[in-house]
C-alpha atoms as a PDB file:
ATOM      1  CA  MET A   1     130.436  95.604  61.390  1.00  0.00           C
ATOM      2  CA  GLY A   2     133.819  94.636  59.415  1.00  0.00           C
ATOM      3  CA  ILE A   3     136.181  97.768  58.982  1.00  0.00           C
ATOM      4  CA  HIS A   4     137.133 101.149  57.562  1.00  0.00           C
ATOM      5  CA  PRO A   5     139.205  99.770  54.648  1.00  0.00           C
ATOM      6  CA  ASP A   6     141.766 102.735  55.078  1.00  0.00           C
ATOM      7  CA  ILE A   7     142.552 101.833  58.854  1.00  0.00           C
ATOM      8  CA  GLN A   8     142.458  97.649  56.563  1.00  0.00           C
ATOM      9  CA  ALA A   9     145.645  99.231  54.644  1.00  0.00           C
ATOM     10  CA  ALA A  10     146.835 100.313  57.981  1.00  0.00           C
ATOM     11  CA  LEU A  11     147.119  97.647  59.455  1.00  0.00           C
ATOM     12  CA  ALA A  12     148.100  95.548  56.964  1.00  0.00           C
ATOM     13  CA  LEU A  13     150.927  97.715  56.163  1.00  0.00           C
ATOM     14  CA  ALA A  14     152.200  97.788  59.994  1.00  0.00           C
ATOM     15  CA  GLY A  15     151.642  94.409  59.285  1.00  0.00           C
ATOM     16  CA  GLY A  16     154.652  93.567  56.643  1.00  0.00           C
ATOM     17  CA  LEU A  17     157.057  95.966  58.234  1.00  0.00           C
ATOM     18  CA  GLU A  18     159.903  94.397  60.470  1.00  0.00           C
ATOM     19  CA  PRO A  19     158.663  95.121  63.829  1.00  0.00           C
ATOM     20  CA  GLU A  20     160.785  97.423  65.002  1.00  0.00           C
ATOM     21  CA  LYS A  21     159.089 100.086  62.558  1.00  0.00           C
ATOM     22  CA  ILE A  22     156.216 100.548  63.677  1.00  0.00           C
ATOM     23  CA  ARG A  23     155.117 103.346  64.711  1.00  0.00           C
ATOM     24  CA  LEU A  24     153.071 102.768  68.466  1.00  0.00           C
ATOM     25  CA  ALA A  25     151.001 105.816  68.962  1.00  0.00           C
ATOM     26  CA  GLU A  26     149.475 105.399  65.329  1.00  0.00           C
ATOM     27  CA  THR A  27     149.049 102.400  64.863  1.00  0.00           C
ATOM     28  CA  ALA A  28     147.886 101.679  67.942  1.00  0.00           C
ATOM     29  CA  ILE A  29     145.314 104.271  67.845  1.00  0.00           C
ATOM     30  CA  GLN A  30     144.016 102.594  64.025  1.00  0.00           C
ATOM     31  CA  LEU A  31     143.647  99.534  66.114  1.00  0.00           C
ATOM     32  CA  SER A  32     141.021 101.835  68.286  1.00  0.00           C
ATOM     33  CA  ALA A  33     139.262 103.222  64.923  1.00  0.00           C
ATOM     34  CA  VAL A  34     138.226  99.971  63.942  1.00  0.00           C
ATOM     35  CA  ASN A  35     135.384  99.713  65.795  1.00  0.00           C
ATOM     36  CA  ARG A  36     134.720 103.554  65.071  1.00  0.00           C
ATOM     37  CA  PRO A  37     134.447 103.573  61.194  1.00  0.00           C
ATOM     38  CA  HIS A  38     133.727 107.625  60.870  1.00  0.00           C
ATOM     39  CA  ILE A  39     136.231 108.723  63.344  1.00  0.00           C
ATOM     40  CA  GLN A  40     138.245 111.920  62.066  1.00  0.00           C
ATOM     41  CA  LEU A  41     142.277 110.235  62.698  1.00  0.00           C
ATOM     42  CA  GLU A  42     144.544 113.172  62.108  1.00  0.00           C
ATOM     43  CA  GLN A  43     143.604 115.435  65.190  1.00  0.00           C
ATOM     44  CA  TYR A  44     145.376 112.416  67.312  1.00  0.00           C
ATOM     45  CA  TYR A  45     148.267 112.087  64.916  1.00  0.00           C
ATOM     46  CA  ASN A  46     148.407 115.774  65.300  1.00  0.00           C
ATOM     47  CA  GLN A  47     148.392 115.158  69.426  1.00  0.00           C
ATOM     48  CA  VAL A  48     151.089 112.752  69.352  1.00  0.00           C
ATOM     49  CA  ARG A  49     153.601 114.616  67.104  1.00  0.00           C
ATOM     50  CA  THR A  50     152.883 117.922  69.559  1.00  0.00           C
ATOM     51  CA  LEU A  51     153.627 115.865  72.043  1.00  0.00           C
ATOM     52  CA  GLY A  52     157.121 114.455  70.759  1.00  0.00           C
ATOM     53  CA  HIS A  53     158.199 117.943  70.285  1.00  0.00           C
ATOM     54  CA  ASP A  54     156.848 118.855  73.398  1.00  0.00           C
ATOM     55  CA  VAL A  55     159.253 115.392  74.781  1.00  0.00           C
ATOM     56  CA  LEU A  56     162.159 117.781  73.004  1.00  0.00           C
ATOM     57  CA  LYS A  57     161.564 120.918  74.353  1.00  0.00           C
ATOM     58  CA  SER A  58     161.697 120.089  78.087  1.00  0.00           C
ATOM     59  CA  HIS A  59     164.585 117.849  76.907  1.00  0.00           C
ATOM     60  CA  LYS A  60     165.865 120.626  76.326  1.00  0.00           C
ATOM     61  CA  LEU A  61     165.443 122.543  78.766  1.00  0.00           C
ATOM     62  CA  LEU A  62     166.195 120.470  81.767  1.00  0.00           C
ATOM     63  CA  LEU A  63     169.896 119.528  79.468  1.00  0.00           C
ATOM     64  CA  GLN A  64     170.056 123.423  80.645  1.00  0.00           C
ATOM     65  CA  THR A  65     170.817 122.665  84.154  1.00  0.00           C
ATOM     66  CA  GLN A  66     171.822 118.378  84.234  1.00  0.00           C
ATOM     67  CA  GLU A  67     173.590 116.033  82.189  1.00  0.00           C
ATOM     68  CA  ASP A  68     171.930 113.720  80.133  1.00  0.00           C
ATOM     69  CA  SER A  69     171.139 110.706  81.269  1.00  0.00           C
ATOM     70  CA  ALA A  70     168.189 107.393  81.664  1.00  0.00           C
ATOM     71  CA  SER A  71     166.281 109.082  84.128  1.00  0.00           C
ATOM     72  CA  LEU A  72     166.441 112.034  82.585  1.00  0.00           C
ATOM     73  CA  ARG A  73     164.683 111.963  79.869  1.00  0.00           C
ATOM     74  CA  CYS A  74     162.262 110.221  82.114  1.00  0.00           C
ATOM     75  CA  VAL A  75     161.628 113.065  83.166  1.00  0.00           C
ATOM     76  CA  ALA A  76     161.252 115.117  79.934  1.00  0.00           C
ATOM     77  CA  LEU A  77     158.320 112.106  79.439  1.00  0.00           C
ATOM     78  CA  SER A  78     156.788 113.200  82.742  1.00  0.00           C
ATOM     79  CA  ASP A  79     157.305 117.205  81.976  1.00  0.00           C
ATOM     80  CA  ALA A  80     155.364 117.006  78.787  1.00  0.00           C
ATOM     81  CA  LEU A  81     153.100 114.109  79.325  1.00  0.00           C
ATOM     82  CA  PHE A  82     151.759 114.905  83.082  1.00  0.00           C
ATOM     83  CA  GLN A  83     152.520 118.717  83.104  1.00  0.00           C
ATOM     84  CA  LEU A  84     152.876 120.324  80.143  1.00  0.00           C
ATOM     85  CA  HIS A  85     149.270 118.028  78.750  1.00  0.00           C
ATOM     86  CA  ALA A  86     147.681 117.579  81.978  1.00  0.00           C
ATOM     87  CA  TYR A  87     147.356 113.594  81.472  1.00  0.00           C
ATOM     88  CA  HIS A  88     146.744 111.678  84.342  1.00  0.00           C
ATOM     89  CA  ALA A  89     147.704 108.184  84.789  1.00  0.00           C
ATOM     90  CA  ILE A  90     145.972 105.392  86.176  1.00  0.00           C
ATOM     91  CA  ALA A  91     147.462 103.379  88.713  1.00  0.00           C
ATOM     92  CA  HIS A  92     148.229  99.867  88.933  1.00  0.00           C
ATOM     93  CA  GLU A  93     145.850  99.738  91.929  1.00  0.00           C
ATOM     94  CA  GLU A  94     143.058 101.808  90.097  1.00  0.00           C
ATOM     95  CA  MET A  95     140.907  98.599  89.608  1.00  0.00           C
ATOM     96  CA  PRO A  96     139.364  97.182  87.941  1.00  0.00           C
ATOM     97  CA  GLN A  97     140.380  97.696  84.299  1.00  0.00           C
ATOM     98  CA  ASN A  98     137.570  98.196  81.184  1.00  0.00           C
ATOM     99  CA  ILE A  99     137.770  98.227  77.642  1.00  0.00           C
ATOM    100  CA  HIS A 100     138.007 101.830  77.364  1.00  0.00           C
ATOM    101  CA  ASP A 101     141.491 101.829  79.420  1.00  0.00           C
ATOM    102  CA  PHE A 102     142.474  99.697  76.127  1.00  0.00           C
ATOM    103  CA  ASP A 103     141.854 102.547  74.134  1.00  0.00           C
ATOM    104  CA  MET A 104     143.543 104.910  72.162  1.00  0.00           C
ATOM    105  CA  ILE A 105     141.644 107.098  70.997  1.00  0.00           C
ATOM    106  CA  ASN A 106     139.308 107.092  74.153  1.00  0.00           C
ATOM    107  CA  VAL A 107     143.336 108.287  76.095  1.00  0.00           C
ATOM    108  CA  MET A 108     143.887 111.221  74.586  1.00  0.00           C
ATOM    109  CA  GLN A 109     140.150 112.032  74.027  1.00  0.00           C
ATOM    110  CA  ASN A 110     140.428 111.666  78.449  1.00  0.00           C
ATOM    111  CA  ALA A 111     144.385 112.744  79.000  1.00  0.00           C
ATOM    112  CA  LYS A 112     144.397 109.356  80.636  1.00  0.00           C
ATOM    113  CA  GLY A 113     145.664 106.009  80.618  1.00  0.00           C
ATOM    114  CA  ASN A 114     147.578 103.264  82.826  1.00  0.00           C
ATOM    115  CA  ALA A 115     150.221 101.624  82.894  1.00  0.00           C
ATOM    116  CA  SER A 116     149.815  99.062  79.535  1.00  0.00           C
ATOM    117  CA  MET A 117     148.457 102.949  77.071  1.00  0.00           C
ATOM    118  CA  LEU A 118     150.511 105.616  78.788  1.00  0.00           C
ATOM    119  CA  SER A 119     153.885 102.890  77.962  1.00  0.00           C
ATOM    120  CA  LEU A 120     153.288 102.296  74.370  1.00  0.00           C
ATOM    121  CA  LEU A 121     152.827 105.790  74.150  1.00  0.00           C
ATOM    122  CA  CYS A 122     155.456 107.000  75.962  1.00  0.00           C
ATOM    123  CA  ALA A 123     157.782 104.793  74.488  1.00  0.00           C
ATOM    124  CA  SER A 124     156.264 106.273  70.894  1.00  0.00           C
ATOM    125  CA  LEU A 125     157.400 109.354  71.551  1.00  0.00           C
ATOM    126  CA  ALA A 126     161.255 108.544  73.024  1.00  0.00           C
ATOM    127  CA  HIS A 127     160.952 106.774  69.708  1.00  0.00           C
ATOM    128  CA  HIS A 128     160.003 109.973  67.794  1.00  0.00           C
ATOM    129  CA  ALA A 129     163.174 111.684  69.912  1.00  0.00           C
ATOM    130  CA  GLY A 130     165.416 109.583  69.092  1.00  0.00           C
ATOM    131  CA  TRP A 131     165.602 107.718  72.099  1.00  0.00           C
ATOM    132  CA  ASP A 132     166.434 103.409  72.834  1.00  0.00           C
ATOM    133  CA  VAL A 133     163.245 103.093  75.185  1.00  0.00           C
ATOM    134  CA  HIS A 134     161.418  99.320  75.685  1.00  0.00           C
ATOM    135  CA  LEU A 135     159.135  98.243  76.270  1.00  0.00           C
ATOM    136  CA  LEU A 136     158.238  95.453  78.522  1.00  0.00           C
ATOM    137  CA  ALA A 137     155.645  92.914  79.191  1.00  0.00           C
ATOM    138  CA  LEU A 138     155.132  91.716  82.463  1.00  0.00           C
ATOM    139  CA  PRO A 139     152.095  89.930  84.670  1.00  0.00           C
ATOM    140  CA  GLY A 140     149.246  91.841  83.487  1.00  0.00           C
ATOM    141  CA  THR A 141     150.461  95.055  82.945  1.00  0.00           C
ATOM    142  CA  LEU A 142     153.360  97.175  80.231  1.00  0.00           C
ATOM    143  CA  LEU A 143     156.319  99.154  81.185  1.00  0.00           C
ATOM    144  CA  CYS A 144     159.234 101.112  79.201  1.00  0.00           C
ATOM    145  CA  ARG A 145     163.218 100.871  79.471  1.00  0.00           C
ATOM    146  CA  MET A 146     164.838 103.447  78.778  1.00  0.00           C
ATOM    147  CA  ASP A 147     169.025 103.527  77.716  1.00  0.00           C
ATOM    148  CA  TYR A 148     171.496 105.719  77.631  1.00  0.00           C
ATOM    149  CA  GLU A 149     174.585 104.710  76.491  1.00  0.00           C
ATOM    150  CA  ASP A 150     176.317 102.390  79.986  1.00  0.00           C
ATOM    151  CA  ASP A 151     172.378 104.006  82.159  1.00  0.00           C
ATOM    152  CA  ARG A 152     169.750 102.230  82.400  1.00  0.00           C
ATOM    153  CA  VAL A 153     166.672 102.236  84.229  1.00  0.00           C
ATOM    154  CA  ILE A 154     162.815 100.816  84.382  1.00  0.00           C
ATOM    155  CA  PHE A 155     160.284 103.792  84.652  1.00  0.00           C
ATOM    156  CA  ASP A 156     156.187 103.156  84.873  1.00  0.00           C
ATOM    157  CA  PRO A 157     153.843 105.685  82.675  1.00  0.00           C
ATOM    158  CA  ALA A 158     151.358 104.428  86.062  1.00  0.00           C
ATOM    159  CA  ALA A 159     153.619 106.899  88.461  1.00  0.00           C
ATOM    160  CA  ARG A 160     154.379 109.994  85.891  1.00  0.00           C
ATOM    161  CA  CYS A 161     157.153 107.832  84.576  1.00  0.00           C
ATOM    162  CA  ARG A 162     158.645 106.591  87.940  1.00  0.00           C
ATOM    163  CA  VAL A 163     161.798 105.136  87.287  1.00  0.00           C
ATOM    164  CA  LEU A 164     161.438 101.649  89.798  1.00  0.00           C
ATOM    165  CA  SER A 165     163.233  99.870  92.180  1.00  0.00           C
ATOM    166  CA  ALA A 166     163.398  96.009  91.626  1.00  0.00           C
ATOM    167  CA  PRO A 167     161.188  95.539  95.201  1.00  0.00           C
ATOM    168  CA  ASP A 168     159.304  98.314  92.896  1.00  0.00           C
ATOM    169  CA  LEU A 169     158.896  95.797  89.971  1.00  0.00           C
ATOM    170  CA  ARG A 170     158.028  92.763  92.340  1.00  0.00           C
ATOM    171  CA  ASN A 171     155.187  94.986  93.849  1.00  0.00           C
ATOM    172  CA  ILE A 172     153.739  95.939  90.316  1.00  0.00           C
ATOM    173  CA  VAL A 173     154.009  91.048  89.389  1.00  0.00           C
ATOM    174  CA  LYS A 174     153.036  90.569  93.332  1.00  0.00           C
ATOM    175  CA  HIS A 175     149.335  93.262  91.916  1.00  0.00           C
ATOM    176  CA  TYR A 176     148.849  91.138  89.004  1.00  0.00           C
ATOM    177  CA  ALA A 177     149.980  88.230  89.727  1.00  0.00           C
ATOM    178  CA  GLY A 178     149.385  87.643  92.830  1.00  0.00           C
ATOM    179  CA  ASP A 179     151.356  87.463  96.294  1.00  0.00           C
ATOM    180  CA  SER A 180     153.485  84.208  95.475  1.00  0.00           C
ATOM    181  CA  ALA A 181     154.836  85.415  92.935  1.00  0.00           C
ATOM    182  CA  GLU A 182     158.152  87.169  92.049  1.00  0.00           C
ATOM    183  CA  LEU A 183     160.662  88.362  89.739  1.00  0.00           C
ATOM    184  CA  SER A 184     162.005  86.726  87.099  1.00  0.00           C
ATOM    185  CA  ALA A 185     164.524  87.750  84.575  1.00  0.00           C
ATOM    186  CA  THR A 186     162.099  87.564  81.890  1.00  0.00           C
ATOM    187  CA  TYR A 187     160.332  90.542  83.156  1.00  0.00           C
ATOM    188  CA  TYR A 188     163.335  92.640  81.850  1.00  0.00           C
ATOM    189  CA  GLU A 189     163.817  91.054  78.613  1.00  0.00           C
ATOM    190  CA  PRO A 190     162.053  93.796  75.553  1.00  0.00           C
ATOM    191  CA  ILE A 191     159.350  92.912  73.884  1.00  0.00           C
ATOM    192  CA  SER A 192     158.776  93.353  70.142  1.00  0.00           C
ATOM    193  CA  LYS A 193     156.969  97.023  69.165  1.00  0.00           C
ATOM    194  CA  ARG A 194     154.059  94.938  67.425  1.00  0.00           C
ATOM    195  CA  ASP A 195     153.956  91.903  70.820  1.00  0.00           C
ATOM    196  CA  ALA A 196     153.260  95.213  72.430  1.00  0.00           C
ATOM    197  CA  LEU A 197     149.761  96.370  69.867  1.00  0.00           C
ATOM    198  CA  VAL A 198     148.985  92.458  70.423  1.00  0.00           C
ATOM    199  CA  PHE A 199     149.803  92.324  74.207  1.00  0.00           C
ATOM    200  CA  VAL A 200     146.634  95.620  74.644  1.00  0.00           C
ATOM    201  CA  GLN A 201     144.246  94.740  71.699  1.00  0.00           C
ATOM    202  CA  ASN A 202     144.506  91.231  73.725  1.00  0.00           C
ATOM    203  CA  LYS A 203     142.618  93.228  76.058  1.00  0.00           C
ATOM    204  CA  VAL A 204     140.573  94.233  74.498  1.00  0.00           C
ATOM    205  CA  LYS A 205     139.336  90.934  72.795  1.00  0.00           C
ATOM    206  CA  TYR A 206     138.975  89.691  76.128  1.00  0.00           C
ATOM    207  CA  TYR A 207     136.628  92.314  77.539  1.00  0.00           C
ATOM    208  CA  GLN A 208     134.738  92.080  74.225  1.00  0.00           C
ATOM    209  CA  ILE A 209     133.849  88.012  74.342  1.00  0.00           C
ATOM    210  CA  ALA A 210     132.836  88.660  78.196  1.00  0.00           C
ATOM    211  CA  ALA A 211     130.529  90.774  76.949  1.00  0.00           C
ATOM    212  CA  GLU A 212     129.893  88.720  74.272  1.00  0.00           C
ATOM    213  CA  ASP A 213     129.959  91.297  71.825  1.00  0.00           C
ATOM    214  CA  TYR A 214     131.287  88.158  69.546  1.00  0.00           C
ATOM    215  CA  ALA A 215     130.789  90.484  66.026  1.00  0.00           C
ATOM    216  CA  ALA A 216     133.283  93.771  68.103  1.00  0.00           C
ATOM    217  CA  ALA A 217     135.283  90.481  68.777  1.00  0.00           C
ATOM    218  CA  ALA A 218     135.989  89.448  64.923  1.00  0.00           C
ATOM    219  CA  ASP A 219     136.061  92.408  64.218  1.00  0.00           C
ATOM    220  CA  THR A 220     139.669  92.705  66.152  1.00  0.00           C
ATOM    221  CA  ILE A 221     140.211  89.845  65.505  1.00  0.00           C
ATOM    222  CA  ASP A 222     140.898  90.904  61.826  1.00  0.00           C
ATOM    223  CA  ALA A 223     142.364  93.846  62.956  1.00  0.00           C
ATOM    224  CA  LEU A 224     145.324  91.899  65.364  1.00  0.00           C
ATOM    225  CA  ILE A 225     145.431  89.482  62.189  1.00  0.00           C
ATOM    226  CA  LEU A 226     146.859  92.348  59.529  1.00  0.00           C
ATOM    227  CA  MET A 227     149.082  93.590  61.793  1.00  0.00           C
ATOM    228  CA  ALA A 228     150.055  90.165  63.280  1.00  0.00           C
ATOM    229  CA  PRO A 229     149.884  88.241  60.324  1.00  0.00           C
ATOM    230  CA  ASP A 230     152.413  85.139  61.453  1.00  0.00           C
ATOM    231  CA  GLU A 231     151.253  85.524  65.181  1.00  0.00           C
ATOM    232  CA  HIS A 232     149.943  81.808  65.166  1.00  0.00           C
ATOM    233  CA  ARG A 233     148.040  82.529  68.475  1.00  0.00           C
ATOM    234  CA  LEU A 234     145.385  84.344  67.072  1.00  0.00           C
ATOM    235  CA  TRP A 235     144.369  81.513  64.342  1.00  0.00           C
ATOM    236  CA  LEU A 236     142.765  79.935  67.046  1.00  0.00           C
ATOM    237  CA  ASP A 237     141.095  82.933  68.188  1.00  0.00           C
ATOM    238  CA  ALA A 238     139.483  83.409  64.670  1.00  0.00           C
ATOM    239  CA  GLY A 239     138.480  79.849  64.492  1.00  0.00           C
ATOM    240  CA  VAL A 240     136.529  80.235  68.009  1.00  0.00           C
ATOM    241  CA  VAL A 241     134.604  83.452  66.814  1.00  0.00           C
ATOM    242  CA  PHE A 242     134.233  83.811  63.195  1.00  0.00           C
ATOM    243  CA  ALA A 243     132.014  80.329  64.977  1.00  0.00           C
ATOM    244  CA  LYS A 244     130.580  82.268  66.894  1.00  0.00           C
ATOM    245  CA  VAL A 245     129.418  85.117  64.371  1.00  0.00           C
ATOM    246  CA  GLY A 246     128.705  82.253  61.191  1.00  0.00           C
ATOM    247  CA  ARG A 247     132.126  82.815  59.468  1.00  0.00           C
ATOM    248  CA  LEU A 248     132.438  79.176  59.892  1.00  0.00           C
ATOM    249  CA  ARG A 249     134.148  78.662  55.672  1.00  0.00           C
ATOM    250  CA  GLU A 250     137.396  80.970  57.717  1.00  0.00           C
ATOM    251  CA  ALA A 251     136.985  79.781  61.442  1.00  0.00           C
ATOM    252  CA  ALA A 252     138.163  76.365  59.657  1.00  0.00           C
ATOM    253  CA  ASP A 253     140.765  77.582  57.857  1.00  0.00           C
ATOM    254  CA  TYR A 254     142.227  79.381  60.232  1.00  0.00           C
ATOM    255  CA  LEU A 255     141.647  76.258  62.442  1.00  0.00           C
ATOM    256  CA  GLU A 256     143.960  74.286  60.356  1.00  0.00           C
ATOM    257  CA  ARG A 257     146.059  76.434  59.796  1.00  0.00           C
ATOM    258  CA  TYR A 258     146.583  76.521  63.603  1.00  0.00           C
ATOM    259  CA  ILE A 259     146.375  73.016  63.661  1.00  0.00           C
ATOM    260  CA  GLU A 260     149.805  72.009  61.981  1.00  0.00           C
ATOM    261  CA  THR A 261     152.025  74.798  63.852  1.00  0.00           C
ATOM    262  CA  THR A 262     151.435  74.496  67.103  1.00  0.00           C
ATOM    263  CA  PRO A 263     153.174  73.152  69.160  1.00  0.00           C
ATOM    264  CA  ASP A 264     150.967  72.078  72.182  1.00  0.00           C
ATOM    265  CA  ARG A 265     149.339  68.925  72.459  1.00  0.00           C
ATOM    266  CA  ARG A 266     146.350  69.758  74.263  1.00  0.00           C
ATOM    267  CA  ALA A 267     146.149  73.113  72.029  1.00  0.00           C
ATOM    268  CA  ARG A 268     145.691  70.426  68.550  1.00  0.00           C
ATOM    269  CA  HIS A 269     143.413  68.354  69.973  1.00  0.00           C
ATOM    270  CA  GLU A 270     141.140  70.844  70.747  1.00  0.00           C
ATOM    271  CA  ALA A 271     141.337  72.657  67.963  1.00  0.00           C
ATOM    272  CA  ALA A 272     140.887  69.176  66.574  1.00  0.00           C
ATOM    273  CA  ILE A 273     137.734  68.580  67.893  1.00  0.00           C
ATOM    274  CA  LEU A 274     136.511  72.721  67.716  1.00  0.00           C
ATOM    275  CA  LEU A 275     137.223  72.124  63.824  1.00  0.00           C
ATOM    276  CA  GLN A 276     135.056  68.895  63.713  1.00  0.00           C
ATOM    277  CA  GLN A 277     131.815  70.238  64.679  1.00  0.00           C
ATOM    278  CA  ILE A 278     132.011  73.151  62.313  1.00  0.00           C
ATOM    279  CA  ARG A 279     132.777  70.431  59.505  1.00  0.00           C
ATOM    280  CA  ASP A 280     129.816  68.928  60.989  1.00  0.00           C
ATOM    281  CA  THR A 281     127.671  71.952  60.885  1.00  0.00           C
END
């Protein structure tokens, strides 16, 4: 299929930015457009701007009766997204998920999303407002952390931006990772905007490969490499998928780069076997 040149340019621009300067929702929209070559994106950019404006309006209204806090800012996000714009959240237990659940354009068209996609959107709106919000990667999902002065809360966009307790977080971890899973300190540490976008697009790639739609998966990997050029784990994916669609020279090049950089001995060995198979083709 190939990626539209305008989308290529936008993703390459994001790939050259420091992670904190990436515009989350806008880049997620561009990634969703990879397999939609003729879609007009300005309407979705405008929706992000409108949402951001309404978050600030909701916050200003709340400040008329309450002191500012991290929790209050979560309420402002919730009011704008779920009340004013009638978004709906896909709860964690509403499974199974599918590829459309990880598509920002689809989320915005239907005003409905899971925790990962709504986390990208909420974090983007918060950043537009100038707020200090970070993305957290738990097994299987993204959540958000809101910081304000000495106040810090973790909230779940799939629960209408409800502030979470430690037991709530533990239940989410167990839902995705099994009953034996427990909270880890690493779950409280933020990930970069770039890593959050890779997290979501890896879900898309997983569904495409599972459906044996290797052409679409190749486009997704091309887009990810543009947006995250130093993410060496993508180079292994490129080697595997590009070989499936006959892009053998590129597959070999990425596998060589992966073998040179990965510290995992077993992964290097497996990549080397695949590389030799490609060379023998």
